[in-house]
Amino acid sequence: MNSIAEKIQETINAEELKNLGDNKFKELQQLIETMRELGMDRKPEYTFPLTDTIGKTCYSSLNKHPNR
C-alpha cells in the first residue's frame, strides 16, 4: 500500500508529464527556480506569541477581588 506522500509524488509527476509541452508551465517552473535561487520562496516567520485565552480566563476567575 502506498503512503500519502508517495501518492502525492505520483500525482505531481503525472501532472508534470502532462504539461511537458506547455510553454507557460515551463515559464512557471523557471520563475519558481529563479525565486528559489534568490531566496524569495521562504515561508514567512511569525514571532507573535500565542494567546493563552484559557489560562487567562482561569487566572482571572481565580484571582477576582470582591471589592473591585
PDB file of N, CA and C in Angstrom:
ATOM      1  N   MET A   1       0.841  -1.194   0.000  1.00  0.00           N
ATOM      2  CA  MET A   1       0.000   0.000   0.000  1.00  0.00           C
ATOM      3  C   MET A   1       0.878   1.245   0.000  1.00  0.00           C
ATOM      4  N   ASN A   2       0.553   2.185  -0.870  1.00  0.00           N
ATOM      5  CA  ASN A   2       1.324   3.417  -0.988  1.00  0.00           C
ATOM      6  C   ASN A   2       0.958   4.395   0.121  1.00  0.00           C
ATOM      7  N   SER A   3       1.963   5.103   0.591  1.00  0.00           N
ATOM      8  CA  SER A   3       1.699   6.139   1.585  1.00  0.00           C
ATOM      9  C   SER A   3       1.131   7.372   0.888  1.00  0.00           C
ATOM     10  N   ILE A   4       0.618   8.285   1.682  1.00  0.00           N
ATOM     11  CA  ILE A   4       0.050   9.515   1.132  1.00  0.00           C
ATOM     12  C   ILE A   4       1.123  10.310   0.402  1.00  0.00           C
ATOM     13  N   ALA A   5       2.335  10.353   0.968  1.00  0.00           N
ATOM     14  CA  ALA A   5       3.429  11.095   0.339  1.00  0.00           C
ATOM     15  C   ALA A   5       3.761  10.514  -1.041  1.00  0.00           C
ATOM     16  N   GLU A   6       3.744   9.196  -1.144  1.00  0.00           N
ATOM     17  CA  GLU A   6       4.027   8.563  -2.438  1.00  0.00           C
ATOM     18  C   GLU A   6       2.933   8.868  -3.450  1.00  0.00           C
ATOM     19  N   LYS A   7       1.682   8.853  -3.002  1.00  0.00           N
ATOM     20  CA  LYS A   7       0.569   9.174  -3.900  1.00  0.00           C
ATOM     21  C   LYS A   7       0.652  10.617  -4.387  1.00  0.00           C
ATOM     22  N   ILE A   8       1.016  11.510  -3.493  1.00  0.00           N
ATOM     23  CA  ILE A   8       1.162  12.924  -3.872  1.00  0.00           C
ATOM     24  C   ILE A   8       2.285  13.078  -4.888  1.00  0.00           C
ATOM     25  N   GLN A   9       3.411  12.402  -4.643  1.00  0.00           N
ATOM     26  CA  GLN A   9       4.541  12.486  -5.572  1.00  0.00           C
ATOM     27  C   GLN A   9       4.166  11.917  -6.937  1.00  0.00           C
ATOM     28  N   GLU A  10       3.407  10.826  -6.960  1.00  0.00           N
ATOM     29  CA  GLU A  10       2.954  10.249  -8.231  1.00  0.00           C
ATOM     30  C   GLU A  10       2.050  11.232  -8.975  1.00  0.00           C
ATOM     31  N   THR A  11       1.178  11.897  -8.260  1.00  0.00           N
ATOM     32  CA  THR A  11       0.279  12.870  -8.880  1.00  0.00           C
ATOM     33  C   THR A  11       1.063  14.048  -9.449  1.00  0.00           C
ATOM     34  N   ILE A  12       2.041  14.529  -8.701  1.00  0.00           N
ATOM     35  CA  ILE A  12       2.884  15.631  -9.177  1.00  0.00           C
ATOM     36  C   ILE A  12       3.623  15.221 -10.438  1.00  0.00           C
ATOM     37  N   ASN A  13       4.194  14.027 -10.429  1.00  0.00           N
ATOM     38  CA  ASN A  13       4.923  13.546 -11.606  1.00  0.00           C
ATOM     39  C   ASN A  13       3.996  13.415 -12.813  1.00  0.00           C
ATOM     40  N   ALA A  14       2.782  12.917 -12.593  1.00  0.00           N
ATOM     41  CA  ALA A  14       1.826  12.770 -13.692  1.00  0.00           C
ATOM     42  C   ALA A  14       1.451  14.137 -14.270  1.00  0.00           C
ATOM     43  N   GLU A  15       1.243  15.133 -13.410  1.00  0.00           N
ATOM     44  CA  GLU A  15       0.898  16.474 -13.881  1.00  0.00           C
ATOM     45  C   GLU A  15       2.065  17.107 -14.644  1.00  0.00           C
ATOM     46  N   GLU A  16       3.285  16.872 -14.175  1.00  0.00           N
ATOM     47  CA  GLU A  16       4.450  17.414 -14.883  1.00  0.00           C
ATOM     48  C   GLU A  16       4.579  16.781 -16.260  1.00  0.00           C
ATOM     49  N   LEU A  17       4.337  15.477 -16.361  1.00  0.00           N
ATOM     50  CA  LEU A  17       4.395  14.812 -17.669  1.00  0.00           C
ATOM     51  C   LEU A  17       3.308  15.340 -18.596  1.00  0.00           C
ATOM     52  N   LYS A  18       2.136  15.618 -18.037  1.00  0.00           N
ATOM     53  CA  LYS A  18       1.033  16.122 -18.834  1.00  0.00           C
ATOM     54  C   LYS A  18       1.334  17.516 -19.384  1.00  0.00           C
ATOM     55  N   ASN A  19       2.130  18.294 -18.664  1.00  0.00           N
ATOM     56  CA  ASN A  19       2.392  19.684 -19.041  1.00  0.00           C
ATOM     57  C   ASN A  19       3.764  19.906 -19.675  1.00  0.00           C
ATOM     58  N   LEU A  20       4.428  18.847 -20.105  1.00  0.00           N
ATOM     59  CA  LEU A  20       5.778  18.993 -20.665  1.00  0.00           C
ATOM     60  C   LEU A  20       5.828  19.919 -21.881  1.00  0.00           C
ATOM     61  N   GLY A  21       4.821  19.884 -22.727  1.00  0.00           N
ATOM     62  CA  GLY A  21       4.828  20.709 -23.936  1.00  0.00           C
ATOM     63  C   GLY A  21       4.280  22.107 -23.743  1.00  0.00           C
ATOM     64  N   ASP A  22       3.795  22.420 -22.577  1.00  0.00           N
ATOM     65  CA  ASP A  22       3.163  23.719 -22.322  1.00  0.00           C
ATOM     66  C   ASP A  22       4.229  24.758 -21.973  1.00  0.00           C
ATOM     67  N   ASN A  23       4.319  25.821 -22.791  1.00  0.00           N
ATOM     68  CA  ASN A  23       5.324  26.861 -22.566  1.00  0.00           C
ATOM     69  C   ASN A  23       5.079  27.644 -21.282  1.00  0.00           C
ATOM     70  N   LYS A  24       3.815  27.895 -20.957  1.00  0.00           N
ATOM     71  CA  LYS A  24       3.511  28.637 -19.733  1.00  0.00           C
ATOM     72  C   LYS A  24       3.942  27.848 -18.497  1.00  0.00           C
ATOM     73  N   PHE A  25       3.790  26.534 -18.543  1.00  0.00           N
ATOM     74  CA  PHE A  25       4.226  25.689 -17.438  1.00  0.00           C
ATOM     75  C   PHE A  25       5.738  25.748 -17.288  1.00  0.00           C
ATOM     76  N   LYS A  26       6.446  25.751 -18.399  1.00  0.00           N
ATOM     77  CA  LYS A  26       7.910  25.858 -18.352  1.00  0.00           C
ATOM     78  C   LYS A  26       8.334  27.213 -17.781  1.00  0.00           C
ATOM     79  N   GLU A  27       7.634  28.271 -18.185  1.00  0.00           N
ATOM     80  CA  GLU A  27       7.934  29.607 -17.646  1.00  0.00           C
ATOM     81  C   GLU A  27       7.696  29.655 -16.140  1.00  0.00           C
ATOM     82  N   LEU A  28       6.613  29.020 -15.700  1.00  0.00           N
ATOM     83  CA  LEU A  28       6.309  28.982 -14.270  1.00  0.00           C
ATOM     84  C   LEU A  28       7.393  28.224 -13.509  1.00  0.00           C
ATOM     85  N   GLN A  29       7.835  27.093 -14.035  1.00  0.00           N
ATOM     86  CA  GLN A  29       8.913  26.333 -13.396  1.00  0.00           C
ATOM     87  C   GLN A  29      10.191  27.161 -13.319  1.00  0.00           C
ATOM     88  N   GLN A  30      10.487  27.892 -14.371  1.00  0.00           N
ATOM     89  CA  GLN A  30      11.684  28.735 -14.390  1.00  0.00           C
ATOM     90  C   GLN A  30      11.568  29.858 -13.364  1.00  0.00           C
ATOM     91  N   LEU A  31      10.381  30.457 -13.270  1.00  0.00           N
ATOM     92  CA  LEU A  31      10.158  31.514 -12.284  1.00  0.00           C
ATOM     93  C   LEU A  31      10.339  30.987 -10.858  1.00  0.00           C
ATOM     94  N   ILE A  32       9.795  29.818 -10.589  1.00  0.00           N
ATOM     95  CA  ILE A  32       9.936  29.216  -9.258  1.00  0.00           C
ATOM     96  C   ILE A  32      11.397  28.922  -8.962  1.00  0.00           C
ATOM     97  N   GLU A  33      12.123  28.406  -9.926  1.00  0.00           N
ATOM     98  CA  GLU A  33      13.545  28.116  -9.733  1.00  0.00           C
ATOM     99  C   GLU A  33      14.341  29.397  -9.493  1.00  0.00           C
ATOM    100  N   THR A  34      14.027  30.453 -10.219  1.00  0.00           N
ATOM    101  CA  THR A  34      14.699  31.743 -10.020  1.00  0.00           C
ATOM    102  C   THR A  34      14.414  32.287  -8.623  1.00  0.00           C
ATOM    103  N   MET A  35      13.172  32.170  -8.169  1.00  0.00           N
ATOM    104  CA  MET A  35      12.819  32.632  -6.829  1.00  0.00           C
ATOM    105  C   MET A  35      13.568  31.844  -5.762  1.00  0.00           C
ATOM    106  N   ARG A  36      13.732  30.533  -5.975  1.00  0.00           N
ATOM    107  CA  ARG A  36      14.498  29.723  -5.022  1.00  0.00           C
ATOM    108  C   ARG A  36      15.950  30.184  -4.968  1.00  0.00           C
ATOM    109  N   GLU A  37      16.526  30.439  -6.124  1.00  0.00           N
ATOM    110  CA  GLU A  37      17.920  30.877  -6.182  1.00  0.00           C
ATOM    111  C   GLU A  37      18.110  32.213  -5.471  1.00  0.00           C
ATOM    112  N   LEU A  38      17.114  33.099  -5.573  1.00  0.00           N
ATOM    113  CA  LEU A  38      17.198  34.411  -4.935  1.00  0.00           C
ATOM    114  C   LEU A  38      16.778  34.383  -3.465  1.00  0.00           C
ATOM    115  N   GLY A  39      16.280  33.247  -3.003  1.00  0.00           N
ATOM    116  CA  GLY A  39      15.857  33.117  -1.614  1.00  0.00           C
ATOM    117  C   GLY A  39      14.514  33.749  -1.337  1.00  0.00           C
ATOM    118  N   MET A  40      13.680  33.869  -2.358  1.00  0.00           N
ATOM    119  CA  MET A  40      12.387  34.536  -2.197  1.00  0.00           C
ATOM    120  C   MET A  40      11.251  33.552  -1.939  1.00  0.00           C
ATOM    121  N   ASP A  41      11.525  32.271  -1.879  1.00  0.00           N
ATOM    122  CA  ASP A  41      10.456  31.290  -1.713  1.00  0.00           C
ATOM    123  C   ASP A  41      10.311  30.802  -0.275  1.00  0.00           C
ATOM    124  N   ARG A  42      10.942  31.521   0.655  1.00  0.00           N
ATOM    125  CA  ARG A  42      10.858  31.121   2.057  1.00  0.00           C
ATOM    126  C   ARG A  42       9.485  31.442   2.629  1.00  0.00           C
ATOM    127  N   LYS A  43       9.040  30.606   3.559  1.00  0.00           N
ATOM    128  CA  LYS A  43       7.780  30.855   4.238  1.00  0.00           C
ATOM    129  C   LYS A  43       8.006  31.949   5.269  1.00  0.00           C
ATOM    130  N   PRO A  44       6.997  32.778   5.488  1.00  0.00           N
ATOM    131  CA  PRO A  44       7.160  33.851   6.481  1.00  0.00           C
ATOM    132  C   PRO A  44       7.299  33.280   7.888  1.00  0.00           C
ATOM    133  N   GLU A  45       8.106  33.948   8.685  1.00  0.00           N
ATOM    134  CA  GLU A  45       8.289  33.537  10.067  1.00  0.00           C
ATOM    135  C   GLU A  45       7.589  34.559  10.962  1.00  0.00           C
ATOM    136  N   TYR A  46       6.687  34.082  11.757  1.00  0.00           N
ATOM    137  CA  TYR A  46       5.944  34.954  12.658  1.00  0.00           C
ATOM    138  C   TYR A  46       6.491  34.792  14.068  1.00  0.00           C
ATOM    139  N   THR A  47       6.612  35.897  14.766  1.00  0.00           N
ATOM    140  CA  THR A  47       7.157  35.860  16.110  1.00  0.00           C
ATOM    141  C   THR A  47       6.135  36.308  17.152  1.00  0.00           C
ATOM    142  N   PHE A  48       4.863  36.367  16.765  1.00  0.00           N
ATOM    143  CA  PHE A  48       3.840  36.752  17.721  1.00  0.00           C
ATOM    144  C   PHE A  48       3.607  35.607  18.699  1.00  0.00           C
ATOM    145  N   PRO A  49       3.536  35.903  19.987  1.00  0.00           N
ATOM    146  CA  PRO A  49       3.247  34.827  20.944  1.00  0.00           C
ATOM    147  C   PRO A  49       1.794  34.383  20.813  1.00  0.00           C
ATOM    148  N   LEU A  50       1.547  33.102  21.095  1.00  0.00           N
ATOM    149  CA  LEU A  50       0.187  32.593  21.040  1.00  0.00           C
ATOM    150  C   LEU A  50      -0.619  33.155  22.210  1.00  0.00           C
ATOM    151  N   THR A  51      -1.877  33.422  21.975  1.00  0.00           N
ATOM    152  CA  THR A  51      -2.749  33.943  23.016  1.00  0.00           C
ATOM    153  C   THR A  51      -3.203  32.793  23.904  1.00  0.00           C
ATOM    154  N   ASP A  52      -3.046  32.969  25.200  1.00  0.00           N
ATOM    155  CA  ASP A  52      -3.454  31.947  26.153  1.00  0.00           C
ATOM    156  C   ASP A  52      -4.787  32.364  26.753  1.00  0.00           C
ATOM    157  N   THR A  53      -5.873  32.144  26.014  1.00  0.00           N
ATOM    158  CA  THR A  53      -7.176  32.599  26.484  1.00  0.00           C
ATOM    159  C   THR A  53      -7.730  31.723  27.598  1.00  0.00           C
ATOM    160  N   ILE A  54      -7.450  30.419  27.561  1.00  0.00           N
ATOM    161  CA  ILE A  54      -7.958  29.535  28.610  1.00  0.00           C
ATOM    162  C   ILE A  54      -7.269  29.855  29.934  1.00  0.00           C
ATOM    163  N   GLY A  55      -5.951  29.968  29.911  1.00  0.00           N
ATOM    164  CA  GLY A  55      -5.213  30.281  31.127  1.00  0.00           C
ATOM    165  C   GLY A  55      -5.569  31.647  31.666  1.00  0.00           C
ATOM    166  N   LYS A  56      -5.769  32.614  30.771  1.00  0.00           N
ATOM    167  CA  LYS A  56      -6.119  33.976  31.187  1.00  0.00           C
ATOM    168  C   LYS A  56      -7.480  33.979  31.867  1.00  0.00           C
ATOM    169  N   THR A  57      -8.444  33.264  31.310  1.00  0.00           N
ATOM    170  CA  THR A  57      -9.780  33.194  31.900  1.00  0.00           C
ATOM    171  C   THR A  57      -9.730  32.528  33.264  1.00  0.00           C
ATOM    172  N   CYS A  58      -9.010  31.430  33.361  1.00  0.00           N
ATOM    173  CA  CYS A  58      -8.884  30.704  34.627  1.00  0.00           C
ATOM    174  C   CYS A  58      -8.188  31.577  35.670  1.00  0.00           C
ATOM    175  N   TYR A  59      -7.122  32.219  35.297  1.00  0.00           N
ATOM    176  CA  TYR A  59      -6.378  33.077  36.222  1.00  0.00           C
ATOM    177  C   TYR A  59      -7.258  34.223  36.707  1.00  0.00           C
ATOM    178  N   SER A  60      -8.003  34.827  35.793  1.00  0.00           N
ATOM    179  CA  SER A  60      -8.874  35.945  36.160  1.00  0.00           C
ATOM    180  C   SER A  60      -9.974  35.503  37.114  1.00  0.00           C
ATOM    181  N   SER A  61     -10.560  34.332  36.854  1.00  0.00           N
ATOM    182  CA  SER A  61     -11.641  33.885  37.723  1.00  0.00           C
ATOM    183  C   SER A  61     -11.140  33.470  39.091  1.00  0.00           C
ATOM    184  N   LEU A  62      -9.940  32.959  39.190  1.00  0.00           N
ATOM    185  CA  LEU A  62      -9.377  32.553  40.481  1.00  0.00           C
ATOM    186  C   LEU A  62      -8.888  33.736  41.296  1.00  0.00           C
ATOM    187  N   ASN A  63      -8.541  34.819  40.660  1.00  0.00           N
ATOM    188  CA  ASN A  63      -7.954  35.961  41.342  1.00  0.00           C
ATOM    189  C   ASN A  63      -8.866  37.184  41.367  1.00  0.00           C
ATOM    190  N   LYS A  64     -10.152  36.947  41.381  1.00  0.00           N
ATOM    191  CA  LYS A  64     -11.083  38.079  41.476  1.00  0.00           C
ATOM    192  C   LYS A  64     -11.083  38.612  42.900  1.00  0.00           C
ATOM    193  N   HIS A  65     -11.117  39.893  42.986  1.00  0.00           N
ATOM    194  CA  HIS A  65     -11.192  40.545  44.291  1.00  0.00           C
ATOM    195  C   HIS A  65     -12.632  41.025  44.507  1.00  0.00           C
ATOM    196  N   PRO A  66     -13.218  40.720  45.659  1.00  0.00           N
ATOM    197  CA  PRO A  66     -14.628  41.089  45.869  1.00  0.00           C
ATOM    198  C   PRO A  66     -14.858  42.601  45.922  1.00  0.00           C
ATOM    199  N   ASN A  67     -13.866  43.388  46.228  1.00  0.00           N
ATOM    200  CA  ASN A  67     -14.045  44.835  46.344  1.00  0.00           C
ATOM    201  C   ASN A  67     -13.943  45.555  45.002  1.00  0.00           C
ATOM    202  N   ARG A  68     -13.638  44.884  43.965  1.00  0.00           N
ATOM    203  CA  ARG A  68     -13.457  45.541  42.658  1.00  0.00           C
ATOM    204  C   ARG A  68     -14.633  45.375  41.779  1.00  0.00           C
TER     205      ARG A  68
END
